[in-house]
Structure formats: structure tokens, C-alpha cells
């Protein structure tokens, strides 16, 4: 019984280590629209918009060196599934006064693909 527990514990440790260092997912085709203004690689410079590597799960407007608008910095929003879905659907509606000129993505499936991709960038 002890051997089984040790094997399970070792497997869990290996699985955790493997998933912690997993490669980002391949970008969905919709990313091409984002890539015009955003980079997606660790350490890459900001473009017209901020680098989106590792932003999932963080407060909006505080990660990285990008000069965010006061509206975004003061929003207090966390970049989670629900917030990103609303942001990608209509950034101007979610945070009035932000500088993102993207009009929004109306297709919920395309937004879900982008959110899943952003989650993988860590």
C-alpha cells in the first residue's frame, strides 16, 4: 500500500511539473487581429498595445511596462474568463475611456478561443 501511495505521489509531482512548464497553445486564427497591436511572447516589447504574455488572472492595467489609460488602471477588473469575454466583445462598453480601438468580437466561440489561448501564455 505504501508503494502505491509513493507512486501516486510521484506521478502527481511529475504531472504538476509538466503542466507548469507546458508550451503555450498554438494561436487561433482570430489571434491575427490581436497580433497587429499586441505581442504574445515572454519578454517581447509592447506594440501599440501591451504584451499579453502572462496577463490572464492579473488585474487589468498593472502587468508589464505598457502605459495604460487611467480608465483601465482604475477599472479594478481581473483578467479572468468572464471579464475577458466582456472585454473582447466590446472593450469600449466594459471600460469607457480606454484607448483600445478594437470594435469587439461578436462571436462567442471566437472569444472563447482567444481566452483559452491567453490562458496558455504563461
Protein backbone atom coordinates (compact mmCIF):
# COMPACT_ATOMS: atom_id res chain seq x y z
CA UNK A 1 0.00 0.00 0.00
CA UNK A 2 2.85 2.40 0.84
CA UNK A 3 4.50 1.74 -2.53
CA UNK A 4 1.26 2.61 -4.32
CA UNK A 5 0.95 5.87 -2.39
CA UNK A 6 4.54 6.80 -3.20
CA UNK A 7 3.99 6.02 -6.90
CA UNK A 8 0.81 8.12 -6.99
CA UNK A 9 2.54 10.99 -5.21
CA UNK A 10 5.48 10.82 -7.63
CA UNK A 11 3.11 10.78 -10.61
CA UNK A 12 1.23 13.79 -9.26
CA UNK A 13 4.50 15.68 -8.78
CA UNK A 14 5.64 14.89 -12.32
CA UNK A 15 2.26 15.90 -13.77
CA UNK A 16 2.30 19.18 -11.86
CA UNK A 17 5.83 19.94 -13.06
CA UNK A 18 4.96 19.05 -16.64
CA UNK A 19 1.86 21.23 -16.75
CA UNK A 20 3.63 24.13 -15.03
CA UNK A 21 6.14 24.27 -17.90
CA UNK A 22 3.75 23.45 -20.74
CA UNK A 23 4.24 25.28 -24.00
CA UNK A 24 1.62 27.86 -24.95
CA UNK A 25 -1.15 26.64 -27.19
CA UNK A 26 -0.98 27.46 -30.89
CA UNK A 27 -2.71 30.78 -31.51
CA UNK A 28 -6.18 30.55 -33.02
CA UNK A 29 -6.76 32.23 -36.38
CA UNK A 30 -8.51 35.10 -34.60
CA UNK A 31 -5.21 35.99 -32.91
CA UNK A 32 -4.10 37.58 -36.19
CA UNK A 33 -6.41 40.50 -35.41
CA UNK A 34 -4.83 40.88 -31.96
CA UNK A 35 -1.25 40.46 -33.21
CA UNK A 36 -1.49 43.72 -35.13
CA UNK A 37 -1.30 45.58 -31.80
CA UNK A 38 -0.18 43.01 -29.20
CA UNK A 39 2.84 40.78 -28.75
CA UNK A 40 2.42 37.37 -27.14
CA UNK A 41 5.92 36.15 -26.26
CA UNK A 42 7.60 36.28 -22.87
CA UNK A 43 9.82 39.35 -22.72
CA UNK A 44 8.67 40.74 -26.07
CA UNK A 45 8.27 44.50 -26.23
CA UNK A 46 4.89 46.18 -26.18
CA UNK A 47 3.48 47.22 -29.51
CA UNK A 48 0.64 49.71 -29.94
CA UNK A 49 -0.96 47.71 -27.11
CA UNK A 50 0.58 45.77 -24.24
CA UNK A 51 2.31 42.42 -24.46
CA UNK A 52 -0.35 39.86 -23.48
CA UNK A 53 2.01 37.13 -22.30
CA UNK A 54 1.04 36.11 -18.78
CA UNK A 55 -1.77 38.63 -18.29
CA UNK A 56 -4.50 36.06 -17.62
CA UNK A 57 -5.54 36.12 -13.98
CA UNK A 58 -3.95 39.52 -13.24
CA UNK A 59 -5.60 42.86 -12.63
CA UNK A 60 -6.17 44.84 -15.77
CA UNK A 61 -3.69 47.63 -16.40
CA UNK A 62 -0.99 46.70 -13.89
CA UNK A 63 1.18 43.99 -15.50
CA UNK A 64 4.14 44.96 -17.65
CA UNK A 65 5.57 48.27 -18.77
CA UNK A 66 2.75 49.45 -21.04
CA UNK A 67 1.32 52.91 -20.30
CA UNK A 68 -2.33 52.00 -19.69
CA UNK A 69 -5.09 54.59 -19.74
CA UNK A 70 -6.38 55.82 -16.39
CA UNK A 71 -9.73 54.19 -17.21
CA UNK A 72 -8.10 50.76 -17.49
CA UNK A 73 -5.87 51.26 -14.43
CA UNK A 74 -8.82 52.38 -12.30
CA UNK A 75 -11.18 49.65 -13.54
CA UNK A 76 -10.05 47.18 -10.89
CA UNK A 77 -11.02 44.33 -13.22
CA UNK A 78 -9.29 40.96 -13.10
CA UNK A 79 -8.47 39.32 -16.43
CA UNK A 80 -10.45 36.12 -15.93
CA UNK A 81 -12.81 34.28 -18.27
CA UNK A 82 -15.86 36.45 -17.57
CA UNK A 83 -14.02 39.77 -17.81
CA UNK A 84 -12.10 38.80 -20.94
CA UNK A 85 -15.30 37.64 -22.60
CA UNK A 86 -16.92 41.05 -21.98
CA UNK A 87 -13.72 42.89 -22.93
CA UNK A 88 -13.31 41.04 -26.21
CA UNK A 89 -16.97 41.50 -27.03
CA UNK A 90 -16.94 45.28 -26.53
CA UNK A 91 -13.94 46.95 -24.86
CA UNK A 92 -15.47 50.44 -25.02
CA UNK A 93 -18.60 49.29 -23.20
CA UNK A 94 -16.75 47.39 -20.47
CA UNK A 95 -14.23 50.17 -19.75
CA UNK A 96 -15.38 53.52 -21.16
CA UNK A 97 -12.43 55.80 -21.90
CA UNK A 98 -9.91 53.05 -22.64
CA UNK A 99 -7.59 53.52 -25.64
CA UNK A 100 -8.16 50.18 -27.35
CA UNK A 101 -9.63 50.88 -30.78
CA UNK A 102 -10.74 47.27 -31.33
CA UNK A 103 -14.50 47.31 -32.00
CA UNK A 104 -15.11 43.91 -30.43
CA UNK A 105 -15.60 40.32 -31.42
CA UNK A 106 -19.24 39.31 -31.55
CA UNK A 107 -18.76 35.53 -31.97
CA UNK A 108 -18.71 33.87 -28.51
CA UNK A 109 -16.83 30.82 -29.85
CA UNK A 110 -14.04 33.04 -31.22
CA UNK A 111 -13.83 34.88 -27.90
CA UNK A 112 -13.59 31.55 -26.08
CA UNK A 113 -10.71 30.50 -28.37
CA UNK A 114 -8.82 33.70 -27.61
CA UNK A 115 -9.41 33.36 -23.86
CA UNK A 116 -8.13 29.77 -23.91
CA UNK A 117 -5.08 30.95 -25.83
CA UNK A 118 -4.38 33.79 -23.38
CA UNK A 119 -4.63 31.29 -20.52
CA UNK A 120 -1.90 29.20 -22.16
CA UNK A 121 0.54 32.14 -22.31
CA UNK A 122 2.41 31.52 -19.07
